[in-house]
Amino acid sequence: MRYVSSFERILTDRGFKKGLMQGEVRLIERLLKQRFGDLPAWVEQRLQMATESDLARWADAVLSAESLESILGPSPH
């Protein structure tokens, strides 16, 4: 078995975590599109800048929310 340094392990963990978050972003994006139709650019940007806690909160809200703004906050425009 090949030796894996601590540095390699950290990078692998970060890559795995980043991949999981990207999957969550895609899932929430699909759910939002299903619920509200085409998404404006500001929603796409907000999804790409989201933290783990943002994604969890938005995932919980998507089924009962009345609008995109009630999930993601106000539009920047």
PDB file of N, CA and C in Angstrom:
ATOM      1  N   MET A   1       0.846  -1.171   0.000  1.00  0.00           N
ATOM      2  CA  MET A   1       0.000   0.000   0.000  1.00  0.00           C
ATOM      3  C   MET A   1       0.895   1.240   0.000  1.00  0.00           C
ATOM      4  N   ARG A   2       0.539   2.228  -0.797  1.00  0.00           N
ATOM      5  CA  ARG A   2       1.321   3.453  -0.944  1.00  0.00           C
ATOM      6  C   ARG A   2       1.124   4.353   0.269  1.00  0.00           C
ATOM      7  N   TYR A   3       2.199   4.991   0.708  1.00  0.00           N
ATOM      8  CA  TYR A   3       2.151   5.945   1.813  1.00  0.00           C
ATOM      9  C   TYR A   3       1.449   7.217   1.349  1.00  0.00           C
ATOM     10  N   VAL A   4       0.518   7.706   2.155  1.00  0.00           N
ATOM     11  CA  VAL A   4      -0.192   8.945   1.852  1.00  0.00           C
ATOM     12  C   VAL A   4       0.168   9.954   2.931  1.00  0.00           C
ATOM     13  N   SER A   5       0.787  11.045   2.516  1.00  0.00           N
ATOM     14  CA  SER A   5       1.203  12.062   3.482  1.00  0.00           C
ATOM     15  C   SER A   5      -0.012  12.799   4.041  1.00  0.00           C
ATOM     16  N   SER A   6       0.205  13.480   5.141  1.00  0.00           N
ATOM     17  CA  SER A   6      -0.864  14.286   5.755  1.00  0.00           C
ATOM     18  C   SER A   6      -1.355  15.342   4.773  1.00  0.00           C
ATOM     19  N   PHE A   7      -0.436  15.927   4.039  1.00  0.00           N
ATOM     20  CA  PHE A   7      -0.789  16.944   3.055  1.00  0.00           C
ATOM     21  C   PHE A   7      -1.710  16.366   1.981  1.00  0.00           C
ATOM     22  N   GLU A   8      -1.366  15.192   1.460  1.00  0.00           N
ATOM     23  CA  GLU A   8      -2.201  14.535   0.454  1.00  0.00           C
ATOM     24  C   GLU A   8      -3.581  14.199   1.019  1.00  0.00           C
ATOM     25  N   ARG A   9      -3.611  13.755   2.249  1.00  0.00           N
ATOM     26  CA  ARG A   9      -4.871  13.403   2.899  1.00  0.00           C
ATOM     27  C   ARG A   9      -5.772  14.638   3.041  1.00  0.00           C
ATOM     28  N   ILE A  10      -5.160  15.755   3.433  1.00  0.00           N
ATOM     29  CA  ILE A  10      -5.914  17.003   3.571  1.00  0.00           C
ATOM     30  C   ILE A  10      -6.484  17.432   2.226  1.00  0.00           C
ATOM     31  N   LEU A  11      -5.654  17.375   1.181  1.00  0.00           N
ATOM     32  CA  LEU A  11      -6.122  17.757  -0.150  1.00  0.00           C
ATOM     33  C   LEU A  11      -7.238  16.841  -0.629  1.00  0.00           C
ATOM     34  N   THR A  12      -7.125  15.555  -0.364  1.00  0.00           N
ATOM     35  CA  THR A  12      -8.159  14.600  -0.753  1.00  0.00           C
ATOM     36  C   THR A  12      -9.452  14.895  -0.015  1.00  0.00           C
ATOM     37  N   ASP A  13      -9.365  15.162   1.283  1.00  0.00           N
ATOM     38  CA  ASP A  13     -10.553  15.492   2.073  1.00  0.00           C
ATOM     39  C   ASP A  13     -11.219  16.762   1.565  1.00  0.00           C
ATOM     40  N   ARG A  14     -10.406  17.767   1.248  1.00  0.00           N
ATOM     41  CA  ARG A  14     -10.957  19.028   0.728  1.00  0.00           C
ATOM     42  C   ARG A  14     -11.642  18.807  -0.617  1.00  0.00           C
ATOM     43  N   GLY A  15     -11.015  18.010  -1.470  1.00  0.00           N
ATOM     44  CA  GLY A  15     -11.610  17.730  -2.775  1.00  0.00           C
ATOM     45  C   GLY A  15     -12.924  16.983  -2.640  1.00  0.00           C
ATOM     46  N   PHE A  16     -12.974  16.038  -1.723  1.00  0.00           N
ATOM     47  CA  PHE A  16     -14.201  15.284  -1.474  1.00  0.00           C
ATOM     48  C   PHE A  16     -15.297  16.212  -0.963  1.00  0.00           C
ATOM     49  N   LYS A  17     -14.949  17.063  -0.019  1.00  0.00           N
ATOM     50  CA  LYS A  17     -15.925  18.006   0.553  1.00  0.00           C
ATOM     51  C   LYS A  17     -16.420  18.971  -0.520  1.00  0.00           C
ATOM     52  N   LYS A  18     -15.510  19.465  -1.355  1.00  0.00           N
ATOM     53  CA  LYS A  18     -15.894  20.384  -2.430  1.00  0.00           C
ATOM     54  C   LYS A  18     -16.847  19.692  -3.412  1.00  0.00           C
ATOM     55  N   GLY A  19     -16.564  18.440  -3.720  1.00  0.00           N
ATOM     56  CA  GLY A  19     -17.440  17.687  -4.611  1.00  0.00           C
ATOM     57  C   GLY A  19     -18.824  17.488  -4.020  1.00  0.00           C
ATOM     58  N   LEU A  20     -18.895  17.214  -2.735  1.00  0.00           N
ATOM     59  CA  LEU A  20     -20.194  17.064  -2.068  1.00  0.00           C
ATOM     60  C   LEU A  20     -20.981  18.368  -2.112  1.00  0.00           C
ATOM     61  N   MET A  21     -20.304  19.476  -1.859  1.00  0.00           N
ATOM     62  CA  MET A  21     -20.988  20.775  -1.878  1.00  0.00           C
ATOM     63  C   MET A  21     -21.482  21.109  -3.285  1.00  0.00           C
ATOM     64  N   GLN A  22     -20.688  20.792  -4.291  1.00  0.00           N
ATOM     65  CA  GLN A  22     -21.126  21.053  -5.666  1.00  0.00           C
ATOM     66  C   GLN A  22     -22.362  20.221  -6.000  1.00  0.00           C
ATOM     67  N   GLY A  23     -22.401  18.997  -5.503  1.00  0.00           N
ATOM     68  CA  GLY A  23     -23.580  18.157  -5.703  1.00  0.00           C
ATOM     69  C   GLY A  23     -24.804  18.736  -5.013  1.00  0.00           C
ATOM     70  N   GLU A  24     -24.621  19.283  -3.816  1.00  0.00           N
ATOM     71  CA  GLU A  24     -25.728  19.913  -3.102  1.00  0.00           C
ATOM     72  C   GLU A  24     -26.217  21.142  -3.855  1.00  0.00           C
ATOM     73  N   VAL A  25     -25.296  21.925  -4.373  1.00  0.00           N
ATOM     74  CA  VAL A  25     -25.674  23.117  -5.149  1.00  0.00           C
ATOM     75  C   VAL A  25     -26.510  22.707  -6.351  1.00  0.00           C
ATOM     76  N   ARG A  26     -26.074  21.691  -7.076  1.00  0.00           N
ATOM     77  CA  ARG A  26     -26.822  21.231  -8.260  1.00  0.00           C
ATOM     78  C   ARG A  26     -28.209  20.725  -7.879  1.00  0.00           C
ATOM     79  N   LEU A  27     -28.303  20.016  -6.758  1.00  0.00           N
ATOM     80  CA  LEU A  27     -29.597  19.507  -6.316  1.00  0.00           C
ATOM     81  C   LEU A  27     -30.532  20.644  -5.933  1.00  0.00           C
ATOM     82  N   ILE A  28     -30.049  21.603  -5.159  1.00  0.00           N
ATOM     83  CA  ILE A  28     -30.893  22.734  -4.772  1.00  0.00           C
ATOM     84  C   ILE A  28     -31.296  23.540  -6.006  1.00  0.00           C
ATOM     85  N   GLU A  29     -30.378  23.699  -6.941  1.00  0.00           N
ATOM     86  CA  GLU A  29     -30.690  24.403  -8.186  1.00  0.00           C
ATOM     87  C   GLU A  29     -31.821  23.689  -8.940  1.00  0.00           C
ATOM     88  N   ARG A  30     -31.748  22.378  -9.029  1.00  0.00           N
ATOM     89  CA  ARG A  30     -32.808  21.601  -9.699  1.00  0.00           C
ATOM     90  C   ARG A  30     -34.145  21.773  -8.990  1.00  0.00           C
ATOM     91  N   LEU A  31     -34.119  21.713  -7.662  1.00  0.00           N
ATOM     92  CA  LEU A  31     -35.351  21.879  -6.902  1.00  0.00           C
ATOM     93  C   LEU A  31     -35.942  23.272  -7.086  1.00  0.00           C
ATOM     94  N   LEU A  32     -35.090  24.286  -7.072  1.00  0.00           N
ATOM     95  CA  LEU A  32     -35.572  25.657  -7.271  1.00  0.00           C
ATOM     96  C   LEU A  32     -36.167  25.833  -8.668  1.00  0.00           C
ATOM     97  N   LYS A  33     -35.515  25.264  -9.677  1.00  0.00           N
ATOM     98  CA  LYS A  33     -36.047  25.348 -11.046  1.00  0.00           C
ATOM     99  C   LYS A  33     -37.392  24.641 -11.157  1.00  0.00           C
ATOM    100  N   GLN A  34     -37.503  23.499 -10.525  1.00  0.00           N
ATOM    101  CA  GLN A  34     -38.758  22.742 -10.554  1.00  0.00           C
ATOM    102  C   GLN A  34     -39.880  23.557  -9.906  1.00  0.00           C
ATOM    103  N   ARG A  35     -39.549  24.228  -8.825  1.00  0.00           N
ATOM    104  CA  ARG A  35     -40.555  24.966  -8.057  1.00  0.00           C
ATOM    105  C   ARG A  35     -40.884  26.328  -8.653  1.00  0.00           C
ATOM    106  N   PHE A  36     -39.838  27.062  -9.145  1.00  0.00           N
ATOM    107  CA  PHE A  36     -40.026  28.456  -9.551  1.00  0.00           C
ATOM    108  C   PHE A  36     -39.746  28.736 -11.024  1.00  0.00           C
ATOM    109  N   GLY A  37     -39.355  27.733 -11.792  1.00  0.00           N
ATOM    110  CA  GLY A  37     -39.039  27.950 -13.204  1.00  0.00           C
ATOM    111  C   GLY A  37     -37.609  28.433 -13.387  1.00  0.00           C
ATOM    112  N   ASP A  38     -37.353  29.078 -14.529  1.00  0.00           N
ATOM    113  CA  ASP A  38     -35.995  29.561 -14.827  1.00  0.00           C
ATOM    114  C   ASP A  38     -35.498  30.478 -13.717  1.00  0.00           C
ATOM    115  N   LEU A  39     -34.233  30.315 -13.389  1.00  0.00           N
ATOM    116  CA  LEU A  39     -33.643  31.075 -12.292  1.00  0.00           C
ATOM    117  C   LEU A  39     -32.890  32.298 -12.813  1.00  0.00           C
ATOM    118  N   PRO A  40     -33.076  33.436 -12.166  1.00  0.00           N
ATOM    119  CA  PRO A  40     -32.309  34.616 -12.570  1.00  0.00           C
ATOM    120  C   PRO A  40     -30.832  34.450 -12.225  1.00  0.00           C
ATOM    121  N   ALA A  41     -30.005  35.257 -12.856  1.00  0.00           N
ATOM    122  CA  ALA A  41     -28.551  35.159 -12.676  1.00  0.00           C
ATOM    123  C   ALA A  41     -28.137  35.332 -11.218  1.00  0.00           C
ATOM    124  N   TRP A  42     -28.813  36.193 -10.474  1.00  0.00           N
ATOM    125  CA  TRP A  42     -28.403  36.422  -9.082  1.00  0.00           C
ATOM    126  C   TRP A  42     -28.566  35.164  -8.232  1.00  0.00           C
ATOM    127  N   VAL A  43     -29.536  34.311  -8.580  1.00  0.00           N
ATOM    128  CA  VAL A  43     -29.723  33.056  -7.839  1.00  0.00           C
ATOM    129  C   VAL A  43     -28.554  32.122  -8.119  1.00  0.00           C
ATOM    130  N   GLU A  44     -28.183  32.007  -9.378  1.00  0.00           N
ATOM    131  CA  GLU A  44     -27.041  31.174  -9.754  1.00  0.00           C
ATOM    132  C   GLU A  44     -25.782  31.637  -9.022  1.00  0.00           C
ATOM    133  N   GLN A  45     -25.557  32.939  -8.969  1.00  0.00           N
ATOM    134  CA  GLN A  45     -24.379  33.483  -8.290  1.00  0.00           C
ATOM    135  C   GLN A  45     -24.424  33.173  -6.799  1.00  0.00           C
ATOM    136  N   ARG A  46     -25.583  33.350  -6.190  1.00  0.00           N
ATOM    137  CA  ARG A  46     -25.702  33.097  -4.763  1.00  0.00           C
ATOM    138  C   ARG A  46     -25.461  31.624  -4.444  1.00  0.00           C
ATOM    139  N   LEU A  47     -25.950  30.739  -5.306  1.00  0.00           N
ATOM    140  CA  LEU A  47     -25.723  29.306  -5.105  1.00  0.00           C
ATOM    141  C   LEU A  47     -24.239  28.974  -5.172  1.00  0.00           C
ATOM    142  N   GLN A  48     -23.519  29.577  -6.101  1.00  0.00           N
ATOM    143  CA  GLN A  48     -22.092  29.290  -6.252  1.00  0.00           C
ATOM    144  C   GLN A  48     -21.265  29.826  -5.085  1.00  0.00           C
ATOM    145  N   MET A  49     -21.766  30.840  -4.385  1.00  0.00           N
ATOM    146  CA  MET A  49     -21.035  31.435  -3.268  1.00  0.00           C
ATOM    147  C   MET A  49     -21.491  30.890  -1.914  1.00  0.00           C
ATOM    148  N   ALA A  50     -22.386  29.935  -1.924  1.00  0.00           N
ATOM    149  CA  ALA A  50     -23.001  29.439  -0.687  1.00  0.00           C
ATOM    150  C   ALA A  50     -22.029  28.683   0.210  1.00  0.00           C
ATOM    151  N   THR A  51     -22.290  28.785   1.500  1.00  0.00           N
ATOM    152  CA  THR A  51     -21.564  27.994   2.487  1.00  0.00           C
ATOM    153  C   THR A  51     -22.358  26.720   2.756  1.00  0.00           C
ATOM    154  N   GLU A  52     -21.764  25.821   3.506  1.00  0.00           N
ATOM    155  CA  GLU A  52     -22.474  24.592   3.883  1.00  0.00           C
ATOM    156  C   GLU A  52     -23.755  24.892   4.636  1.00  0.00           C
ATOM    157  N   SER A  53     -23.698  25.845   5.558  1.00  0.00           N
ATOM    158  CA  SER A  53     -24.892  26.168   6.339  1.00  0.00           C
ATOM    159  C   SER A  53     -25.956  26.839   5.481  1.00  0.00           C
ATOM    160  N   ASP A  54     -25.548  27.654   4.495  1.00  0.00           N
ATOM    161  CA  ASP A  54     -26.512  28.231   3.549  1.00  0.00           C
ATOM    162  C   ASP A  54     -27.257  27.121   2.818  1.00  0.00           C
ATOM    163  N   LEU A  55     -26.500  26.172   2.284  1.00  0.00           N
ATOM    164  CA  LEU A  55     -27.097  25.086   1.507  1.00  0.00           C
ATOM    165  C   LEU A  55     -28.074  24.274   2.346  1.00  0.00           C
ATOM    166  N   ALA A  56     -27.713  23.987   3.583  1.00  0.00           N
ATOM    167  CA  ALA A  56     -28.607  23.222   4.462  1.00  0.00           C
ATOM    168  C   ALA A  56     -29.887  24.001   4.740  1.00  0.00           C
ATOM    169  N   ARG A  57     -29.750  25.289   5.030  1.00  0.00           N
ATOM    170  CA  ARG A  57     -30.920  26.123   5.316  1.00  0.00           C
ATOM    171  C   ARG A  57     -31.830  26.230   4.083  1.00  0.00           C
ATOM    172  N   TRP A  58     -31.230  26.430   2.907  1.00  0.00           N
ATOM    173  CA  TRP A  58     -32.008  26.563   1.688  1.00  0.00           C
ATOM    174  C   TRP A  58     -32.696  25.255   1.320  1.00  0.00           C
ATOM    175  N   ALA A  59     -32.017  24.147   1.520  1.00  0.00           N
ATOM    176  CA  ALA A  59     -32.618  22.844   1.229  1.00  0.00           C
ATOM    177  C   ALA A  59     -33.852  22.622   2.097  1.00  0.00           C
ATOM    178  N   ASP A  60     -33.780  23.023   3.366  1.00  0.00           N
ATOM    179  CA  ASP A  60     -34.930  22.886   4.262  1.00  0.00           C
ATOM    180  C   ASP A  60     -36.086  23.774   3.845  1.00  0.00           C
ATOM    181  N   ALA A  61     -35.789  24.931   3.265  1.00  0.00           N
ATOM    182  CA  ALA A  61     -36.817  25.918   2.944  1.00  0.00           C
ATOM    183  C   ALA A  61     -37.465  25.729   1.574  1.00  0.00           C
ATOM    184  N   VAL A  62     -36.817  25.017   0.674  1.00  0.00           N
ATOM    185  CA  VAL A  62     -37.268  25.007  -0.722  1.00  0.00           C
ATOM    186  C   VAL A  62     -38.682  24.436  -0.906  1.00  0.00           C
ATOM    187  N   LEU A  63     -39.094  23.502  -0.102  1.00  0.00           N
ATOM    188  CA  LEU A  63     -40.410  22.888  -0.300  1.00  0.00           C
ATOM    189  C   LEU A  63     -41.568  23.741   0.190  1.00  0.00           C
ATOM    190  N   SER A  64     -41.323  24.611   1.139  1.00  0.00           N
ATOM    191  CA  SER A  64     -42.425  25.385   1.700  1.00  0.00           C
ATOM    192  C   SER A  64     -42.374  26.869   1.366  1.00  0.00           C
ATOM    193  N   ALA A  65     -41.337  27.321   0.711  1.00  0.00           N
ATOM    194  CA  ALA A  65     -41.163  28.750   0.440  1.00  0.00           C
ATOM    195  C   ALA A  65     -42.133  29.244  -0.626  1.00  0.00           C
ATOM    196  N   GLU A  66     -42.513  30.498  -0.498  1.00  0.00           N
ATOM    197  CA  GLU A  66     -43.413  31.130  -1.468  1.00  0.00           C
ATOM    198  C   GLU A  66     -42.678  31.804  -2.618  1.00  0.00           C
ATOM    199  N   SER A  67     -41.396  32.108  -2.413  1.00  0.00           N
ATOM    200  CA  SER A  67     -40.635  32.809  -3.455  1.00  0.00           C
ATOM    201  C   SER A  67     -39.144  32.490  -3.313  1.00  0.00           C
ATOM    202  N   LEU A  68     -38.396  32.800  -4.367  1.00  0.00           N
ATOM    203  CA  LEU A  68     -36.943  32.650  -4.305  1.00  0.00           C
ATOM    204  C   LEU A  68     -36.345  33.528  -3.205  1.00  0.00           C
ATOM    205  N   GLU A  69     -36.882  34.741  -3.084  1.00  0.00           N
ATOM    206  CA  GLU A  69     -36.373  35.669  -2.098  1.00  0.00           C
ATOM    207  C   GLU A  69     -36.592  35.174  -0.673  1.00  0.00           C
ATOM    208  N   SER A  70     -37.670  34.445  -0.447  1.00  0.00           N
ATOM    209  CA  SER A  70     -37.908  33.940   0.904  1.00  0.00           C
ATOM    210  C   SER A  70     -36.919  32.822   1.266  1.00  0.00           C
ATOM    211  N   ILE A  71     -36.284  32.232   0.270  1.00  0.00           N
ATOM    212  CA  ILE A  71     -35.265  31.214   0.510  1.00  0.00           C
ATOM    213  C   ILE A  71     -33.881  31.839   0.562  1.00  0.00           C
ATOM    214  N   LEU A  72     -33.539  32.597  -0.458  1.00  0.00           N
ATOM    215  CA  LEU A  72     -32.172  33.091  -0.647  1.00  0.00           C
ATOM    216  C   LEU A  72     -31.929  34.502  -0.163  1.00  0.00           C
ATOM    217  N   GLY A  73     -32.957  35.190   0.252  1.00  0.00           N
ATOM    218  CA  GLY A  73     -32.824  36.592   0.623  1.00  0.00           C
ATOM    219  C   GLY A  73     -33.139  37.470  -0.564  1.00  0.00           C
ATOM    220  N   PRO A  74     -33.109  38.780  -0.354  1.00  0.00           N
ATOM    221  CA  PRO A  74     -33.513  39.706  -1.407  1.00  0.00           C
ATOM    222  C   PRO A  74     -32.576  39.696  -2.616  1.00  0.00           C
ATOM    223  N   SER A  75     -33.164  39.958  -3.754  1.00  0.00           N
ATOM    224  CA  SER A  75     -32.393  40.118  -4.987  1.00  0.00           C
ATOM    225  C   SER A  75     -31.513  41.349  -4.856  1.00  0.00           C
ATOM    226  N   PRO A  76     -30.296  41.327  -5.420  1.00  0.00           N
ATOM    227  CA  PRO A  76     -29.419  42.489  -5.310  1.00  0.00           C
ATOM    228  C   PRO A  76     -29.875  43.678  -6.154  1.00  0.00           C
ATOM    229  N   HIS A  77     -30.943  43.538  -6.926  1.00  0.00           N
ATOM    230  CA  HIS A  77     -31.384  44.627  -7.804  1.00  0.00           C
ATOM    231  C   HIS A  77     -32.579  45.313  -7.247  1.00  0.00           C
TER     232      HIS A  77
END
